[in-house]
C-alpha cells in the first residue's frame, strides 16, 4: 500500500505529464505487466483449490497431497516458471468468508501465488474480444493479450472517478494518481473487510434462468438447438454502446442512431452465423461469449441438471480460466461440463482442465522436470 509520500510524488509527477491520458497511462502499465509475465505458465485456480491450499498454510491440510500441490506451486512461482492470476470470480468468492483468520490467510496466499497479477473482469474481457473481432476478424485474442492482465487492485474493475467540481487537468492528475495507488494494492490490503459483493443476486439469476428453461424445454429437441438458442441470445451482448465504440474506432464517431443500430444488428447476425458455421473459429475469436453460450447450452440440454448459483459462478471461473490460462484446476463436475463430447471447450481453446489431485501433481511435476 502506498504511503502519503508516494502519493504526493505520484501527483507531482503527473502534473508534468498533462498530455498523457489516464487510459494511455493505464495501458502503458498493462503493457509492462504483460511483458513481465510473458513466458510463464499461467495456472488458474478456482475457489476450491484456493481454499484447500489455504488450509495447508493454516496447518490443517485435508490431505497430504494438498501440501504437495502447494509446495510444487510455490516452487514454480518463486522460480518464475508459473503464475496463478486472480479473477473477479475467485476474489469475490474467497473474500465472502466471514472469519477474519481464514480470509486473511486466503488473501496472503493469493498475493504470493498471483505475484499481484489478476485477469481483467469478465465484462472487460468480453468488450475487448468483441471490439477486437469487429476491428479485425482474422486476429485471435493474442491481439489483446496485453490488455487482459491487470494488477490485483483492479480485480473488480477499472472505473476511475471523475469529480465535477474539478477541471479537466485536476481530474486527470487525480485519475492517474489513483491508478498508481491501486497498482500496488494487494489482496491482503483488501481483505481487512469481507467483500460486500453479494452472491445472492447470482442465485436469483439462476432461478430466473431455470424458469425460462422449463418454459421453453419442449422447443429444444437436440443439443444443436440448445446451442443455437443460447448463441441467439448471447450475440446481443454486442450492445448499442459497443457498436458505437466500434464505429468510432473506424472514424465514424458521429454516425446517426439509425446507422449505429443497423451496424449493431449486422454484427449480431454475423456472430450468430459464425457460431453455427465455424464454432471452432468463434471459440478462438470471442472465447468468453463462446464459453458462456456452450456451458449454458450443455446445462439446458441435460434435463437432470438444474442450474444454481454455484453453477453460474463455476461458469464465470471457466470463462476466466480457459481462454487466457494454460491450465485450470477445478472440480470434477465443471471439468466434465467443459471437456464433454458435446462441448469440447478445452480442445477448441487448447486449454488443459484438471480436477483430479493426482493429475494435478503429475502436471506440476512435469513442469518442474522441464524447468530443470
Foldseek 3Di string as FASTA:
>chain_A
DDDPVLLVVLLVVVLVVLVAFLVNLQLVVLLVVLVLLPQAFEEEEAQVLLLQLLCVVVVNHPDPLNVLLNVLLLVCVVVSRHAYAAALLRLQVLLQDPDLVSSLSSQVSNCRRHVQKHFAYLLVLLLVLLLVCLVPVVDFCVVCSSVGMAGPLQRPHDDFDDDPVDDPSVRRSRSNSVSVVSRPDGSSNVSVHRDPPDLVVLQVVLVVVQVVLVVCVVVDDDLLSLLLVLLLVLLPSCDLVSLLVSVVVVVPNVDDSVVSVVSSVVSSVVLSVCCVPPVLSSCRRRVLSSLVSQLSSLQSVPPVHGGGSVSVSLSSSCSRRQQNGQEYEDADVSVCSCCPPSHNSCVSRVHYYDHDSVVSSVVSVVSVVVVD
